[in-house]
Structures are given as structure tokens and as C-alpha cells.
Amino acid sequence: MNLEWIGWLATAVFAGSYVFKDAATLRKIQAGAAVLWVIYGWIIHSSPVVAANVAVAGMALWSLLTGSKTSQVEA
């Protein structure tokens, strides 16, 4: 069974996260995409893909839980 679609779905979800203006929503979507990437990396036996996306998901979730906000520069 070809499971490459999981990688494409993860790509689409991650790219789509940028249409959201709310930082919390963006981070939730990105964390979800990272989880999809972890699943895909595990399926294809790619530890770098798994490790990178565990870090991304962890940071996104940590920033949600701690209320970290992205810095915004005012003009």
C-alpha cells in the first residue's frame, strides 16, 4: 500500500496553517501537521523526519500551553 499521501497531506496541512491569523490556531494546525509528519517518517523509517517533527510539534504545543506569543514588529 502506498502511504505517500500522508506526507502530501502533512505538507498541505502545514502550508494551509499560514492562512490563519490567530497565533494559537496556527500553532495547533502546525502541531497537527507535525504529528502527520512523524507518522509518515515512522512509516518510511526516516529518523530525521521523525526527530525534526517531534521537535516542531513539541515546540508548537509548548508555546500554546505557556501562552507564548510571536513577536510582532510595529511600524
PDB file of N, CA and C in Angstrom:
ATOM      1  N   MET A   1       0.840  -1.178   0.000  1.00  0.00           N
ATOM      2  CA  MET A   1       0.000   0.000   0.000  1.00  0.00           C
ATOM      3  C   MET A   1       0.888   1.245   0.000  1.00  0.00           C
ATOM      4  N   ASN A   2       0.610   2.185  -0.894  1.00  0.00           N
ATOM      5  CA  ASN A   2       1.380   3.414  -0.984  1.00  0.00           C
ATOM      6  C   ASN A   2       0.850   4.428   0.024  1.00  0.00           C
ATOM      7  N   LEU A   3       1.668   4.762   0.995  1.00  0.00           N
ATOM      8  CA  LEU A   3       1.261   5.687   2.048  1.00  0.00           C
ATOM      9  C   LEU A   3       1.878   7.069   1.871  1.00  0.00           C
ATOM     10  N   GLU A   4       2.377   7.341   0.671  1.00  0.00           N
ATOM     11  CA  GLU A   4       2.974   8.639   0.387  1.00  0.00           C
ATOM     12  C   GLU A   4       1.972   9.780   0.588  1.00  0.00           C
ATOM     13  N   TRP A   5       0.701   9.481   0.461  1.00  0.00           N
ATOM     14  CA  TRP A   5      -0.336  10.508   0.621  1.00  0.00           C
ATOM     15  C   TRP A   5      -0.275  11.162   2.008  1.00  0.00           C
ATOM     16  N   ILE A   6       0.219  10.432   3.016  1.00  0.00           N
ATOM     17  CA  ILE A   6       0.319  11.010   4.360  1.00  0.00           C
ATOM     18  C   ILE A   6       1.321  12.177   4.347  1.00  0.00           C
ATOM     19  N   GLY A   7       2.416  12.010   3.657  1.00  0.00           N
ATOM     20  CA  GLY A   7       3.390  13.090   3.528  1.00  0.00           C
ATOM     21  C   GLY A   7       2.818  14.287   2.789  1.00  0.00           C
ATOM     22  N   TRP A   8       2.062  14.026   1.737  1.00  0.00           N
ATOM     23  CA  TRP A   8       1.425  15.115   0.993  1.00  0.00           C
ATOM     24  C   TRP A   8       0.360  15.808   1.841  1.00  0.00           C
ATOM     25  N   LEU A   9      -0.391  15.046   2.604  1.00  0.00           N
ATOM     26  CA  LEU A   9      -1.392  15.640   3.496  1.00  0.00           C
ATOM     27  C   LEU A   9      -0.709  16.507   4.544  1.00  0.00           C
ATOM     28  N   ALA A  10       0.379  16.020   5.118  1.00  0.00           N
ATOM     29  CA  ALA A  10       1.127  16.798   6.110  1.00  0.00           C
ATOM     30  C   ALA A  10       1.620  18.104   5.500  1.00  0.00           C
ATOM     31  N   THR A  11       2.100  18.050   4.276  1.00  0.00           N
ATOM     32  CA  THR A  11       2.560  19.247   3.577  1.00  0.00           C
ATOM     33  C   THR A  11       1.420  20.237   3.387  1.00  0.00           C
ATOM     34  N   ALA A  12       0.272  19.740   2.939  1.00  0.00           N
ATOM     35  CA  ALA A  12      -0.887  20.608   2.706  1.00  0.00           C
ATOM     36  C   ALA A  12      -1.390  21.239   4.003  1.00  0.00           C
ATOM     37  N   VAL A  13      -1.449  20.451   5.073  1.00  0.00           N
ATOM     38  CA  VAL A  13      -1.915  20.971   6.362  1.00  0.00           C
ATOM     39  C   VAL A  13      -0.957  22.040   6.864  1.00  0.00           C
ATOM     40  N   PHE A  14       0.330  21.773   6.787  1.00  0.00           N
ATOM     41  CA  PHE A  14       1.318  22.748   7.258  1.00  0.00           C
ATOM     42  C   PHE A  14       1.242  24.033   6.443  1.00  0.00           C
ATOM     43  N   ALA A  15       1.211  23.912   5.127  1.00  0.00           N
ATOM     44  CA  ALA A  15       1.130  25.104   4.273  1.00  0.00           C
ATOM     45  C   ALA A  15      -0.169  25.861   4.530  1.00  0.00           C
ATOM     46  N   GLY A  16      -1.243  25.133   4.706  1.00  0.00           N
ATOM     47  CA  GLY A  16      -2.533  25.762   4.961  1.00  0.00           C
ATOM     48  C   GLY A  16      -2.608  26.480   6.294  1.00  0.00           C
ATOM     49  N   SER A  17      -1.734  26.124   7.218  1.00  0.00           N
ATOM     50  CA  SER A  17      -1.760  26.764   8.532  1.00  0.00           C
ATOM     51  C   SER A  17      -1.490  28.257   8.437  1.00  0.00           C
ATOM     52  N   TYR A  18      -0.805  28.681   7.398  1.00  0.00           N
ATOM     53  CA  TYR A  18      -0.440  30.088   7.271  1.00  0.00           C
ATOM     54  C   TYR A  18      -1.596  30.995   6.861  1.00  0.00           C
ATOM     55  N   VAL A  19      -2.755  30.437   6.552  1.00  0.00           N
ATOM     56  CA  VAL A  19      -3.908  31.288   6.245  1.00  0.00           C
ATOM     57  C   VAL A  19      -4.580  31.787   7.518  1.00  0.00           C
ATOM     58  N   PHE A  20      -4.204  31.235   8.652  1.00  0.00           N
ATOM     59  CA  PHE A  20      -4.803  31.635   9.926  1.00  0.00           C
ATOM     60  C   PHE A  20      -4.002  32.776  10.540  1.00  0.00           C
ATOM     61  N   LYS A  21      -4.690  33.828  10.921  1.00  0.00           N
ATOM     62  CA  LYS A  21      -4.032  34.991  11.538  1.00  0.00           C
ATOM     63  C   LYS A  21      -3.789  34.773  13.031  1.00  0.00           C
ATOM     64  N   ASP A  22      -4.669  34.025  13.679  1.00  0.00           N
ATOM     65  CA  ASP A  22      -4.558  33.784  15.112  1.00  0.00           C
ATOM     66  C   ASP A  22      -3.381  32.841  15.388  1.00  0.00           C
ATOM     67  N   ALA A  23      -2.454  33.285  16.231  1.00  0.00           N
ATOM     68  CA  ALA A  23      -1.240  32.505  16.508  1.00  0.00           C
ATOM     69  C   ALA A  23      -1.557  31.145  17.116  1.00  0.00           C
ATOM     70  N   ALA A  24      -2.536  31.091  18.008  1.00  0.00           N
ATOM     71  CA  ALA A  24      -2.878  29.815  18.651  1.00  0.00           C
ATOM     72  C   ALA A  24      -3.406  28.821  17.625  1.00  0.00           C
ATOM     73  N   THR A  25      -4.244  29.283  16.719  1.00  0.00           N
ATOM     74  CA  THR A  25      -4.782  28.398  15.682  1.00  0.00           C
ATOM     75  C   THR A  25      -3.674  27.915  14.763  1.00  0.00           C
ATOM     76  N   LEU A  26      -2.799  28.829  14.380  1.00  0.00           N
ATOM     77  CA  LEU A  26      -1.677  28.462  13.518  1.00  0.00           C
ATOM     78  C   LEU A  26      -0.832  27.379  14.179  1.00  0.00           C
ATOM     79  N   ARG A  27      -0.543  27.546  15.464  1.00  0.00           N
ATOM     80  CA  ARG A  27       0.292  26.560  16.170  1.00  0.00           C
ATOM     81  C   ARG A  27      -0.415  25.209  16.288  1.00  0.00           C
ATOM     82  N   LYS A  28      -1.720  25.216  16.517  1.00  0.00           N
ATOM     83  CA  LYS A  28      -2.464  23.949  16.593  1.00  0.00           C
ATOM     84  C   LYS A  28      -2.407  23.212  15.268  1.00  0.00           C
ATOM     85  N   ILE A  29      -2.612  23.935  14.183  1.00  0.00           N
ATOM     86  CA  ILE A  29      -2.574  23.322  12.857  1.00  0.00           C
ATOM     87  C   ILE A  29      -1.163  22.808  12.554  1.00  0.00           C
ATOM     88  N   GLN A  30      -0.165  23.602  12.887  1.00  0.00           N
ATOM     89  CA  GLN A  30       1.203  23.173  12.647  1.00  0.00           C
ATOM     90  C   GLN A  30       1.578  21.962  13.497  1.00  0.00           C
ATOM     91  N   ALA A  31       1.098  21.915  14.729  1.00  0.00           N
ATOM     92  CA  ALA A  31       1.361  20.739  15.571  1.00  0.00           C
ATOM     93  C   ALA A  31       0.714  19.504  14.956  1.00  0.00           C
ATOM     94  N   GLY A  32      -0.497  19.659  14.450  1.00  0.00           N
ATOM     95  CA  GLY A  32      -1.174  18.539  13.785  1.00  0.00           C
ATOM     96  C   GLY A  32      -0.427  18.064  12.553  1.00  0.00           C
ATOM     97  N   ALA A  33       0.063  19.018  11.764  1.00  0.00           N
ATOM     98  CA  ALA A  33       0.852  18.660  10.582  1.00  0.00           C
ATOM     99  C   ALA A  33       2.126  17.935  10.988  1.00  0.00           C
ATOM    100  N   ALA A  34       2.760  18.396  12.050  1.00  0.00           N
ATOM    101  CA  ALA A  34       3.989  17.752  12.524  1.00  0.00           C
ATOM    102  C   ALA A  34       3.719  16.330  12.976  1.00  0.00           C
ATOM    103  N   VAL A  35       2.572  16.101  13.606  1.00  0.00           N
ATOM    104  CA  VAL A  35       2.211  14.736  14.009  1.00  0.00           C
ATOM    105  C   VAL A  35       2.042  13.860  12.763  1.00  0.00           C
ATOM    106  N   LEU A  36       1.417  14.400  11.725  1.00  0.00           N
ATOM    107  CA  LEU A  36       1.302  13.643  10.468  1.00  0.00           C
ATOM    108  C   LEU A  36       2.680  13.325   9.905  1.00  0.00           C
ATOM    109  N   TRP A  37       3.599  14.298   9.975  1.00  0.00           N
ATOM    110  CA  TRP A  37       4.958  14.061   9.507  1.00  0.00           C
ATOM    111  C   TRP A  37       5.670  12.991  10.331  1.00  0.00           C
ATOM    112  N   VAL A  38       5.421  12.981  11.643  1.00  0.00           N
ATOM    113  CA  VAL A  38       6.014  11.942  12.498  1.00  0.00           C
ATOM    114  C   VAL A  38       5.515  10.572  12.055  1.00  0.00           C
ATOM    115  N   ILE A  39       4.222  10.465  11.816  1.00  0.00           N
ATOM    116  CA  ILE A  39       3.645   9.190  11.361  1.00  0.00           C
ATOM    117  C   ILE A  39       4.271   8.779  10.036  1.00  0.00           C
ATOM    118  N   TYR A  40       4.348   9.725   9.113  1.00  0.00           N
ATOM    119  CA  TYR A  40       4.938   9.428   7.807  1.00  0.00           C
ATOM    120  C   TYR A  40       6.410   9.026   7.943  1.00  0.00           C
ATOM    121  N   GLY A  41       7.163   9.773   8.745  1.00  0.00           N
ATOM    122  CA  GLY A  41       8.573   9.440   8.958  1.00  0.00           C
ATOM    123  C   GLY A  41       8.755   8.062   9.562  1.00  0.00           C
ATOM    124  N   TRP A  42       7.873   7.706  10.478  1.00  0.00           N
ATOM    125  CA  TRP A  42       7.929   6.375  11.092  1.00  0.00           C
ATOM    126  C   TRP A  42       7.659   5.292  10.042  1.00  0.00           C
ATOM    127  N   ILE A  43       6.667   5.533   9.172  1.00  0.00           N
ATOM    128  CA  ILE A  43       6.317   4.561   8.134  1.00  0.00           C
ATOM    129  C   ILE A  43       7.478   4.343   7.169  1.00  0.00           C
ATOM    130  N   ILE A  44       8.160   5.442   6.797  1.00  0.00           N
ATOM    131  CA  ILE A  44       9.255   5.311   5.830  1.00  0.00           C
ATOM    132  C   ILE A  44      10.602   5.066   6.505  1.00  0.00           C
ATOM    133  N   HIS A  45      10.583   4.900   7.830  1.00  0.00           N
ATOM    134  CA  HIS A  45      11.795   4.606   8.596  1.00  0.00           C
ATOM    135  C   HIS A  45      12.845   5.706   8.456  1.00  0.00           C
ATOM    136  N   SER A  46      12.383   6.961   8.602  1.00  0.00           N
ATOM    137  CA  SER A  46      13.293   8.099   8.499  1.00  0.00           C
ATOM    138  C   SER A  46      13.381   8.810   9.843  1.00  0.00           C
ATOM    139  N   SER A  47      14.411   8.473  10.599  1.00  0.00           N
ATOM    140  CA  SER A  47      14.553   9.075  11.920  1.00  0.00           C
ATOM    141  C   SER A  47      14.743  10.594  11.872  1.00  0.00           C
ATOM    142  N   PRO A  48      15.414  11.178  10.852  1.00  0.00           N
ATOM    143  CA  PRO A  48      15.496  12.636  10.822  1.00  0.00           C
ATOM    144  C   PRO A  48      14.123  13.308  10.673  1.00  0.00           C
ATOM    145  N   VAL A  49      13.241  12.732   9.874  1.00  0.00           N
ATOM    146  CA  VAL A  49      11.893  13.282   9.710  1.00  0.00           C
ATOM    147  C   VAL A  49      11.135  13.177  11.026  1.00  0.00           C
ATOM    148  N   VAL A  50      11.244  12.052  11.676  1.00  0.00           N
ATOM    149  CA  VAL A  50      10.568  11.853  12.964  1.00  0.00           C
ATOM    150  C   VAL A  50      11.105  12.833  13.994  1.00  0.00           C
ATOM    151  N   ALA A  51      12.424  12.906  14.135  1.00  0.00           N
ATOM    152  CA  ALA A  51      13.031  13.764  15.157  1.00  0.00           C
ATOM    153  C   ALA A  51      12.698  15.239  14.925  1.00  0.00           C
ATOM    154  N   ALA A  52      12.820  15.698  13.707  1.00  0.00           N
ATOM    155  CA  ALA A  52      12.542  17.108  13.409  1.00  0.00           C
ATOM    156  C   ALA A  52      11.099  17.464  13.739  1.00  0.00           C
ATOM    157  N   ASN A  53      10.186  16.582  13.424  1.00  0.00           N
ATOM    158  CA  ASN A  53       8.784  16.903  13.622  1.00  0.00           C
ATOM    159  C   ASN A  53       8.286  16.645  15.037  1.00  0.00           C
ATOM    160  N   VAL A  54       8.959  15.789  15.773  1.00  0.00           N
ATOM    161  CA  VAL A  54       8.679  15.689  17.210  1.00  0.00           C
ATOM    162  C   VAL A  54       9.062  17.023  17.853  1.00  0.00           C
ATOM    163  N   ALA A  55      10.198  17.587  17.419  1.00  0.00           N
ATOM    164  CA  ALA A  55      10.629  18.888  17.943  1.00  0.00           C
ATOM    165  C   ALA A  55       9.637  19.989  17.570  1.00  0.00           C
ATOM    166  N   VAL A  56       9.193  20.019  16.319  1.00  0.00           N
ATOM    167  CA  VAL A  56       8.234  21.041  15.868  1.00  0.00           C
ATOM    168  C   VAL A  56       6.925  20.923  16.635  1.00  0.00           C
ATOM    169  N   ALA A  57       6.390  19.709  16.732  1.00  0.00           N
ATOM    170  CA  ALA A  57       5.128  19.506  17.462  1.00  0.00           C
ATOM    171  C   ALA A  57       5.289  19.890  18.926  1.00  0.00           C
ATOM    172  N   GLY A  58       6.406  19.497  19.518  1.00  0.00           N
ATOM    173  CA  GLY A  58       6.651  19.819  20.919  1.00  0.00           C
ATOM    174  C   GLY A  58       6.729  21.313  21.160  1.00  0.00           C
ATOM    175  N   MET A  59       7.437  22.020  20.293  1.00  0.00           N
ATOM    176  CA  MET A  59       7.557  23.471  20.453  1.00  0.00           C
ATOM    177  C   MET A  59       6.216  24.165  20.230  1.00  0.00           C
ATOM    178  N   ALA A  60       5.461  23.716  19.250  1.00  0.00           N
ATOM    179  CA  ALA A  60       4.150  24.318  19.000  1.00  0.00           C
ATOM    180  C   ALA A  60       3.230  24.106  20.189  1.00  0.00           C
ATOM    181  N   LEU A  61       3.217  22.905  20.726  1.00  0.00           N
ATOM    182  CA  LEU A  61       2.361  22.617  21.878  1.00  0.00           C
ATOM    183  C   LEU A  61       2.853  23.340  23.130  1.00  0.00           C
ATOM    184  N   TRP A  62       4.155  23.403  23.320  1.00  0.00           N
ATOM    185  CA  TRP A  62       4.712  24.119  24.471  1.00  0.00           C
ATOM    186  C   TRP A  62       4.324  25.593  24.419  1.00  0.00           C
ATOM    187  N   SER A  63       4.441  26.192  23.237  1.00  0.00           N
ATOM    188  CA  SER A  63       4.105  27.608  23.124  1.00  0.00           C
ATOM    189  C   SER A  63       2.614  27.844  23.342  1.00  0.00           C
ATOM    190  N   LEU A  64       1.787  26.887  22.965  1.00  0.00           N
ATOM    191  CA  LEU A  64       0.345  27.001  23.248  1.00  0.00           C
ATOM    192  C   LEU A  64       0.072  26.934  24.745  1.00  0.00           C
ATOM    193  N   LEU A  65       0.714  25.989  25.402  1.00  0.00           N
ATOM    194  CA  LEU A  65       0.473  25.789  26.832  1.00  0.00           C
ATOM    195  C   LEU A  65       1.017  26.920  27.691  1.00  0.00           C
ATOM    196  N   THR A  66       2.120  27.517  27.264  1.00  0.00           N
ATOM    197  CA  THR A  66       2.724  28.578  28.060  1.00  0.00           C
ATOM    198  C   THR A  66       2.237  29.957  27.653  1.00  0.00           C
ATOM    199  N   GLY A  67       1.464  30.012  26.599  1.00  0.00           N
ATOM    200  CA  GLY A  67       0.926  31.295  26.157  1.00  0.00           C
ATOM    201  C   GLY A  67       1.925  32.170  25.456  1.00  0.00           C
ATOM    202  N   SER A  68       3.001  31.571  24.954  1.00  0.00           N
ATOM    203  CA  SER A  68       3.996  32.357  24.224  1.00  0.00           C
ATOM    204  C   SER A  68       3.347  32.957  22.994  1.00  0.00           C
ATOM    205  N   LYS A  69       3.728  34.175  22.703  1.00  0.00           N
ATOM    206  CA  LYS A  69       3.198  34.860  21.532  1.00  0.00           C
ATOM    207  C   LYS A  69       4.337  35.140  20.578  1.00  0.00           C
ATOM    208  N   THR A  70       4.007  35.152  19.295  1.00  0.00           N
ATOM    209  CA  THR A  70       5.036  35.511  18.324  1.00  0.00           C
ATOM    210  C   THR A  70       5.284  37.005  18.425  1.00  0.00           C
ATOM    211  N   SER A  71       6.520  37.381  18.272  1.00  0.00           N
ATOM    212  CA  SER A  71       6.827  38.811  18.356  1.00  0.00           C
ATOM    213  C   SER A  71       6.343  39.484  17.076  1.00  0.00           C
ATOM    214  N   GLN A  72       5.791  40.647  17.234  1.00  0.00           N
ATOM    215  CA  GLN A  72       5.318  41.409  16.105  1.00  0.00           C
ATOM    216  C   GLN A  72       5.993  42.767  16.142  1.00  0.00           C
ATOM    217  N   VAL A  73       6.508  43.169  15.010  1.00  0.00           N
ATOM    218  CA  VAL A  73       7.168  44.460  14.908  1.00  0.00           C
ATOM    219  C   VAL A  73       6.144  45.477  14.442  1.00  0.00           C
ATOM    220  N   GLU A  74       6.034  46.559  15.188  1.00  0.00           N
ATOM    221  CA  GLU A  74       5.120  47.616  14.799  1.00  0.00           C
ATOM    222  C   GLU A  74       5.864  48.625  13.952  1.00  0.00           C
ATOM    223  N   ALA A  75       5.226  49.051  12.902  1.00  0.00           N
ATOM    224  CA  ALA A  75       5.851  50.020  12.006  1.00  0.00           C
ATOM    225  C   ALA A  75       5.596  51.442  12.466  1.00  0.00           C
TER     226      ALA A  75
END
